[in-house]
Amino acid sequence: KNFKTIAKPTDLESDKFISEQLQLKQ
């Protein structure tokens, strides 16, 4: 939900989001 509020996420923000999601899945 927080990530979707970012209009144009940077590569760093996208990488952080993916990394956090993967950690939670693990």
PDB file of all heavy atoms in Angstrom:
ATOM      1  N   LYS A   1       0.834  -1.203   0.000  1.00  0.00           N
ATOM      2  CA  LYS A   1       0.000   0.000   0.000  1.00  0.00           C
ATOM      3  C   LYS A   1       0.872   1.259   0.000  1.00  0.00           C
ATOM      4  O   LYS A   1       0.615   2.207  -0.750  1.00  0.00           O
ATOM      5  CB  LYS A   1      -0.907  -0.020   1.227  1.00  0.00           C
ATOM      6  CG  LYS A   1      -1.961   1.024   1.253  1.00  0.00           C
ATOM      7  CD  LYS A   1      -2.862   0.839   2.465  1.00  0.00           C
ATOM      8  CE  LYS A   1      -3.982   1.827   2.499  1.00  0.00           C
ATOM      9  NZ  LYS A   1      -4.860   1.643   3.658  1.00  0.00           N
ATOM     10  N   ASN A   2       1.911   1.267   0.821  1.00  0.00           N
ATOM     11  CA  ASN A   2       2.813   2.416   0.881  1.00  0.00           C
ATOM     12  C   ASN A   2       3.574   2.595  -0.433  1.00  0.00           C
ATOM     13  O   ASN A   2       3.789   3.717  -0.889  1.00  0.00           O
ATOM     14  CB  ASN A   2       3.793   2.280   2.040  1.00  0.00           C
ATOM     15  CG  ASN A   2       3.110   2.402   3.382  1.00  0.00           C
ATOM     16  OD1 ASN A   2       2.013   2.938   3.494  1.00  0.00           O
ATOM     17  ND2 ASN A   2       3.749   1.880   4.411  1.00  0.00           N
ATOM     18  N   PHE A   3       3.976   1.476  -1.027  1.00  0.00           N
ATOM     19  CA  PHE A   3       4.720   1.554  -2.292  1.00  0.00           C
ATOM     20  C   PHE A   3       3.841   2.107  -3.407  1.00  0.00           C
ATOM     21  O   PHE A   3       4.304   2.874  -4.247  1.00  0.00           O
ATOM     22  CB  PHE A   3       5.268   0.179  -2.673  1.00  0.00           C
ATOM     23  CG  PHE A   3       6.132   0.194  -3.888  1.00  0.00           C
ATOM     24  CD1 PHE A   3       7.411   0.741  -3.848  1.00  0.00           C
ATOM     25  CD2 PHE A   3       5.678  -0.325  -5.091  1.00  0.00           C
ATOM     26  CE1 PHE A   3       8.216   0.775  -4.980  1.00  0.00           C
ATOM     27  CE2 PHE A   3       6.467  -0.307  -6.222  1.00  0.00           C
ATOM     28  CZ  PHE A   3       7.738   0.244  -6.168  1.00  0.00           C
ATOM     29  N   LYS A   4       2.565   1.744  -3.403  1.00  0.00           N
ATOM     30  CA  LYS A   4       1.649   2.209  -4.445  1.00  0.00           C
ATOM     31  C   LYS A   4       1.415   3.717  -4.376  1.00  0.00           C
ATOM     32  O   LYS A   4       1.018   4.324  -5.365  1.00  0.00           O
ATOM     33  CB  LYS A   4       0.315   1.480  -4.351  1.00  0.00           C
ATOM     34  CG  LYS A   4       0.387   0.054  -4.821  1.00  0.00           C
ATOM     35  CD  LYS A   4      -0.956  -0.634  -4.675  1.00  0.00           C
ATOM     36  CE  LYS A   4      -0.884  -2.079  -5.087  1.00  0.00           C
ATOM     37  NZ  LYS A   4      -2.171  -2.767  -4.937  1.00  0.00           N
ATOM     38  N   THR A   5       1.660   4.321  -3.212  1.00  0.00           N
ATOM     39  CA  THR A   5       1.445   5.758  -3.081  1.00  0.00           C
ATOM     40  C   THR A   5       2.561   6.573  -3.736  1.00  0.00           C
ATOM     41  O   THR A   5       2.395   7.760  -3.969  1.00  0.00           O
ATOM     42  CB  THR A   5       1.332   6.181  -1.602  1.00  0.00           C
ATOM     43  OG1 THR A   5       2.554   5.880  -0.924  1.00  0.00           O
ATOM     44  CG2 THR A   5       0.170   5.487  -0.922  1.00  0.00           C
ATOM     45  N   ILE A   6       3.672   5.904  -4.042  1.00  0.00           N
ATOM     46  CA  ILE A   6       4.792   6.593  -4.682  1.00  0.00           C
ATOM     47  C   ILE A   6       4.474   6.724  -6.173  1.00  0.00           C
ATOM     48  O   ILE A   6       4.311   5.716  -6.866  1.00  0.00           O
ATOM     49  CB  ILE A   6       6.118   5.830  -4.477  1.00  0.00           C
ATOM     50  CG1 ILE A   6       6.404   5.639  -2.990  1.00  0.00           C
ATOM     51  CG2 ILE A   6       7.265   6.561  -5.156  1.00  0.00           C
ATOM     52  CD1 ILE A   6       7.556   4.694  -2.705  1.00  0.00           C
ATOM     53  N   ALA A   7       4.390   7.960  -6.642  1.00  0.00           N
ATOM     54  CA  ALA A   7       3.999   8.210  -8.029  1.00  0.00           C
ATOM     55  C   ALA A   7       4.997   7.591  -9.019  1.00  0.00           C
ATOM     56  O   ALA A   7       4.616   6.838  -9.904  1.00  0.00           O
ATOM     57  CB  ALA A   7       3.860   9.699  -8.280  1.00  0.00           C
ATOM     58  N   LYS A   8       6.246   7.934  -8.865  1.00  0.00           N
ATOM     59  CA  LYS A   8       7.292   7.399  -9.744  1.00  0.00           C
ATOM     60  C   LYS A   8       8.445   6.900  -8.874  1.00  0.00           C
ATOM     61  O   LYS A   8       9.382   7.647  -8.588  1.00  0.00           O
ATOM     62  CB  LYS A   8       7.790   8.475 -10.707  1.00  0.00           C
ATOM     63  CG  LYS A   8       6.765   8.886 -11.737  1.00  0.00           C
ATOM     64  CD  LYS A   8       7.358   9.848 -12.735  1.00  0.00           C
ATOM     65  CE  LYS A   8       6.331  10.209 -13.787  1.00  0.00           C
ATOM     66  NZ  LYS A   8       6.851  11.109 -14.803  1.00  0.00           N
ATOM     67  N   PRO A   9       8.368   5.637  -8.465  1.00  0.00           N
ATOM     68  CA  PRO A   9       9.419   5.123  -7.583  1.00  0.00           C
ATOM     69  C   PRO A   9      10.769   5.040  -8.299  1.00  0.00           C
ATOM     70  O   PRO A   9      10.840   4.710  -9.484  1.00  0.00           O
ATOM     71  CB  PRO A   9       8.922   3.730  -7.202  1.00  0.00           C
ATOM     72  CG  PRO A   9       7.917   3.366  -8.226  1.00  0.00           C
ATOM     73  CD  PRO A   9       7.365   4.634  -8.761  1.00  0.00           C
ATOM     74  N   THR A  10      11.791   5.354  -7.550  1.00  0.00           N
ATOM     75  CA  THR A  10      13.142   5.237  -8.089  1.00  0.00           C
ATOM     76  C   THR A  10      13.546   3.768  -8.074  1.00  0.00           C
ATOM     77  O   THR A  10      12.879   2.927  -7.475  1.00  0.00           O
ATOM     78  CB  THR A  10      14.140   6.046  -7.235  1.00  0.00           C
ATOM     79  OG1 THR A  10      14.198   5.454  -5.929  1.00  0.00           O
ATOM     80  CG2 THR A  10      13.747   7.509  -7.134  1.00  0.00           C
ATOM     81  N   ASP A  11      14.659   3.481  -8.724  1.00  0.00           N
ATOM     82  CA  ASP A  11      15.175   2.107  -8.715  1.00  0.00           C
ATOM     83  C   ASP A  11      15.507   1.675  -7.286  1.00  0.00           C
ATOM     84  O   ASP A  11      15.254   0.530  -6.903  1.00  0.00           O
ATOM     85  CB  ASP A  11      16.417   1.987  -9.589  1.00  0.00           C
ATOM     86  CG  ASP A  11      16.101   2.033 -11.077  1.00  0.00           C
ATOM     87  OD1 ASP A  11      14.914   1.853 -11.424  1.00  0.00           O
ATOM     88  OD2 ASP A  11      17.033   2.230 -11.880  1.00  0.00           O
ATOM     89  N   LEU A  12      16.038   2.591  -6.508  1.00  0.00           N
ATOM     90  CA  LEU A  12      16.394   2.283  -5.125  1.00  0.00           C
ATOM     91  C   LEU A  12      15.146   1.955  -4.306  1.00  0.00           C
ATOM     92  O   LEU A  12      15.136   0.971  -3.542  1.00  0.00           O
ATOM     93  CB  LEU A  12      17.147   3.465  -4.504  1.00  0.00           C
ATOM     94  CG  LEU A  12      17.713   3.258  -3.101  1.00  0.00           C
ATOM     95  CD1 LEU A  12      18.729   2.117  -3.104  1.00  0.00           C
ATOM     96  CD2 LEU A  12      18.373   4.527  -2.603  1.00  0.00           C
ATOM     97  N   GLU A  13      14.091   2.739  -4.482  1.00  0.00           N
ATOM     98  CA  GLU A  13      12.839   2.482  -3.761  1.00  0.00           C
ATOM     99  C   GLU A  13      12.221   1.146  -4.197  1.00  0.00           C
ATOM    100  O   GLU A  13      11.720   0.383  -3.369  1.00  0.00           O
ATOM    101  CB  GLU A  13      11.842   3.619  -3.998  1.00  0.00           C
ATOM    102  CG  GLU A  13      12.232   4.921  -3.325  1.00  0.00           C
ATOM    103  CD  GLU A  13      11.388   6.097  -3.774  1.00  0.00           C
ATOM    104  OE1 GLU A  13      10.987   6.144  -4.954  1.00  0.00           O
ATOM    105  OE2 GLU A  13      11.133   6.975  -2.923  1.00  0.00           O
ATOM    106  N   SER A  14      12.288   0.865  -5.478  1.00  0.00           N
ATOM    107  CA  SER A  14      11.757  -0.399  -5.996  1.00  0.00           C
ATOM    108  C   SER A  14      12.550  -1.581  -5.456  1.00  0.00           C
ATOM    109  O   SER A  14      11.975  -2.592  -5.039  1.00  0.00           O
ATOM    110  CB  SER A  14      11.789  -0.412  -7.522  1.00  0.00           C
ATOM    111  OG  SER A  14      10.956   0.589  -8.035  1.00  0.00           O
ATOM    112  N   ASP A  15      13.867  -1.453  -5.460  1.00  0.00           N
ATOM    113  CA  ASP A  15      14.714  -2.522  -4.926  1.00  0.00           C
ATOM    114  C   ASP A  15      14.437  -2.755  -3.447  1.00  0.00           C
ATOM    115  O   ASP A  15      14.376  -3.909  -2.994  1.00  0.00           O
ATOM    116  CB  ASP A  15      16.197  -2.188  -5.119  1.00  0.00           C
ATOM    117  CG  ASP A  15      16.650  -2.322  -6.558  1.00  0.00           C
ATOM    118  OD1 ASP A  15      15.927  -2.961  -7.353  1.00  0.00           O
ATOM    119  OD2 ASP A  15      17.727  -1.786  -6.886  1.00  0.00           O
ATOM    120  N   LYS A  16      14.261  -1.679  -2.702  1.00  0.00           N
ATOM    121  CA  LYS A  16      13.971  -1.791  -1.270  1.00  0.00           C
ATOM    122  C   LYS A  16      12.638  -2.507  -1.053  1.00  0.00           C
ATOM    123  O   LYS A  16      12.536  -3.400  -0.207  1.00  0.00           O
ATOM    124  CB  LYS A  16      13.943  -0.402  -0.622  1.00  0.00           C
ATOM    125  CG  LYS A  16      13.688  -0.441   0.856  1.00  0.00           C
ATOM    126  CD  LYS A  16      13.648   0.962   1.460  1.00  0.00           C
ATOM    127  CE  LYS A  16      13.303   0.859   2.941  1.00  0.00           C
ATOM    128  NZ  LYS A  16      12.949   2.130   3.519  1.00  0.00           N
ATOM    129  N   PHE A  17      11.618  -2.132  -1.823  1.00  0.00           N
ATOM    130  CA  PHE A  17      10.304  -2.762  -1.713  1.00  0.00           C
ATOM    131  C   PHE A  17      10.396  -4.255  -2.006  1.00  0.00           C
ATOM    132  O   PHE A  17       9.893  -5.084  -1.240  1.00  0.00           O
ATOM    133  CB  PHE A  17       9.320  -2.083  -2.669  1.00  0.00           C
ATOM    134  CG  PHE A  17       8.016  -2.826  -2.805  1.00  0.00           C
ATOM    135  CD1 PHE A  17       7.098  -2.823  -1.770  1.00  0.00           C
ATOM    136  CD2 PHE A  17       7.724  -3.535  -3.955  1.00  0.00           C
ATOM    137  CE1 PHE A  17       5.894  -3.512  -1.880  1.00  0.00           C
ATOM    138  CE2 PHE A  17       6.522  -4.216  -4.078  1.00  0.00           C
ATOM    139  CZ  PHE A  17       5.612  -4.209  -3.036  1.00  0.00           C
ATOM    140  N   ILE A  18      11.046  -4.616  -3.095  1.00  0.00           N
ATOM    141  CA  ILE A  18      11.174  -6.023  -3.471  1.00  0.00           C
ATOM    142  C   ILE A  18      11.947  -6.794  -2.413  1.00  0.00           C
ATOM    143  O   ILE A  18      11.562  -7.899  -2.019  1.00  0.00           O
ATOM    144  CB  ILE A  18      11.854  -6.148  -4.854  1.00  0.00           C
ATOM    145  CG1 ILE A  18      10.923  -5.602  -5.935  1.00  0.00           C
ATOM    146  CG2 ILE A  18      12.248  -7.588  -5.152  1.00  0.00           C
ATOM    147  CD1 ILE A  18      11.576  -5.425  -7.284  1.00  0.00           C
ATOM    148  N   SER A  19      13.012  -6.194  -1.921  1.00  0.00           N
ATOM    149  CA  SER A  19      13.831  -6.835  -0.898  1.00  0.00           C
ATOM    150  C   SER A  19      13.027  -7.090   0.390  1.00  0.00           C
ATOM    151  O   SER A  19      13.094  -8.176   0.973  1.00  0.00           O
ATOM    152  CB  SER A  19      15.042  -5.955  -0.606  1.00  0.00           C
ATOM    153  OG  SER A  19      15.882  -6.551   0.307  1.00  0.00           O
ATOM    154  N   GLU A  20      12.254  -6.092   0.814  1.00  0.00           N
ATOM    155  CA  GLU A  20      11.446  -6.244   2.031  1.00  0.00           C
ATOM    156  C   GLU A  20      10.367  -7.301   1.848  1.00  0.00           C
ATOM    157  O   GLU A  20      10.102  -8.099   2.750  1.00  0.00           O
ATOM    158  CB  GLU A  20      10.822  -4.904   2.426  1.00  0.00           C
ATOM    159  CG  GLU A  20      11.835  -3.911   2.955  1.00  0.00           C
ATOM    160  CD  GLU A  20      11.267  -2.521   3.155  1.00  0.00           C
ATOM    161  OE1 GLU A  20      10.209  -2.194   2.564  1.00  0.00           O
ATOM    162  OE2 GLU A  20      11.876  -1.746   3.906  1.00  0.00           O
ATOM    163  N   GLN A  21       9.740  -7.323   0.675  1.00  0.00           N
ATOM    164  CA  GLN A  21       8.717  -8.339   0.401  1.00  0.00           C
ATOM    165  C   GLN A  21       9.329  -9.742   0.407  1.00  0.00           C
ATOM    166  O   GLN A  21       8.746 -10.675   0.962  1.00  0.00           O
ATOM    167  CB  GLN A  21       8.029  -8.074  -0.954  1.00  0.00           C
ATOM    168  CG  GLN A  21       7.075  -6.918  -0.948  1.00  0.00           C
ATOM    169  CD  GLN A  21       5.773  -7.217  -0.212  1.00  0.00           C
ATOM    170  OE1 GLN A  21       5.507  -8.323   0.227  1.00  0.00           O
ATOM    171  NE2 GLN A  21       4.945  -6.214  -0.070  1.00  0.00           N
ATOM    172  N   LEU A  22      10.499  -9.892  -0.195  1.00  0.00           N
ATOM    173  CA  LEU A  22      11.163 -11.198  -0.210  1.00  0.00           C
ATOM    174  C   LEU A  22      11.539 -11.653   1.195  1.00  0.00           C
ATOM    175  O   LEU A  22      11.398 -12.835   1.535  1.00  0.00           O
ATOM    176  CB  LEU A  22      12.406 -11.156  -1.103  1.00  0.00           C
ATOM    177  CG  LEU A  22      12.142 -11.138  -2.597  1.00  0.00           C
ATOM    178  CD1 LEU A  22      13.444 -10.954  -3.376  1.00  0.00           C
ATOM    179  CD2 LEU A  22      11.455 -12.419  -3.043  1.00  0.00           C
ATOM    180  N   GLN A  23      12.007 -10.726   2.012  1.00  0.00           N
ATOM    181  CA  GLN A  23      12.339 -11.069   3.400  1.00  0.00           C
ATOM    182  C   GLN A  23      11.111 -11.569   4.140  1.00  0.00           C
ATOM    183  O   GLN A  23      11.175 -12.559   4.869  1.00  0.00           O
ATOM    184  CB  GLN A  23      12.932  -9.863   4.130  1.00  0.00           C
ATOM    185  CG  GLN A  23      14.346  -9.550   3.763  1.00  0.00           C
ATOM    186  CD  GLN A  23      14.848  -8.300   4.479  1.00  0.00           C
ATOM    187  OE1 GLN A  23      14.069  -7.438   4.852  1.00  0.00           O
ATOM    188  NE2 GLN A  23      16.165  -8.206   4.631  1.00  0.00           N
ATOM    189  N   LEU A  24       9.988 -10.898   3.961  1.00  0.00           N
ATOM    190  CA  LEU A  24       8.746 -11.327   4.626  1.00  0.00           C
ATOM    191  C   LEU A  24       8.284 -12.688   4.109  1.00  0.00           C
ATOM    192  O   LEU A  24       7.821 -13.522   4.879  1.00  0.00           O
ATOM    193  CB  LEU A  24       7.660 -10.277   4.436  1.00  0.00           C
ATOM    194  CG  LEU A  24       7.844  -8.983   5.227  1.00  0.00           C
ATOM    195  CD1 LEU A  24       6.832  -7.933   4.798  1.00  0.00           C
ATOM    196  CD2 LEU A  24       7.749  -9.242   6.713  1.00  0.00           C
ATOM    197  N   LYS A  25       8.422 -12.941   2.821  1.00  0.00           N
ATOM    198  CA  LYS A  25       8.050 -14.246   2.273  1.00  0.00           C
ATOM    199  C   LYS A  25       8.944 -15.341   2.838  1.00  0.00           C
ATOM    200  O   LYS A  25       8.476 -16.435   3.147  1.00  0.00           O
ATOM    201  CB  LYS A  25       8.131 -14.240   0.748  1.00  0.00           C
ATOM    202  CG  LYS A  25       6.959 -13.574   0.092  1.00  0.00           C
ATOM    203  CD  LYS A  25       7.033 -13.719  -1.412  1.00  0.00           C
ATOM    204  CE  LYS A  25       5.921 -12.965  -2.063  1.00  0.00           C
ATOM    205  NZ  LYS A  25       4.736 -13.759  -2.257  1.00  0.00           N
ATOM    206  N   GLN A  26      10.221 -15.059   2.987  1.00  0.00           N
ATOM    207  CA  GLN A  26      11.148 -16.055   3.537  1.00  0.00           C
ATOM    208  C   GLN A  26      10.813 -16.359   4.989  1.00  0.00           C
ATOM    209  O   GLN A  26      10.855 -17.510   5.422  1.00  0.00           O
ATOM    210  CB  GLN A  26      12.597 -15.579   3.401  1.00  0.00           C
ATOM    211  CG  GLN A  26      13.095 -15.613   1.974  1.00  0.00           C
ATOM    212  CD  GLN A  26      14.460 -14.994   1.822  1.00  0.00           C
ATOM    213  OE1 GLN A  26      14.939 -14.287   2.699  1.00  0.00           O
ATOM    214  NE2 GLN A  26      15.089 -15.253   0.684  1.00  0.00           N
TER     215      GLN A  26
END
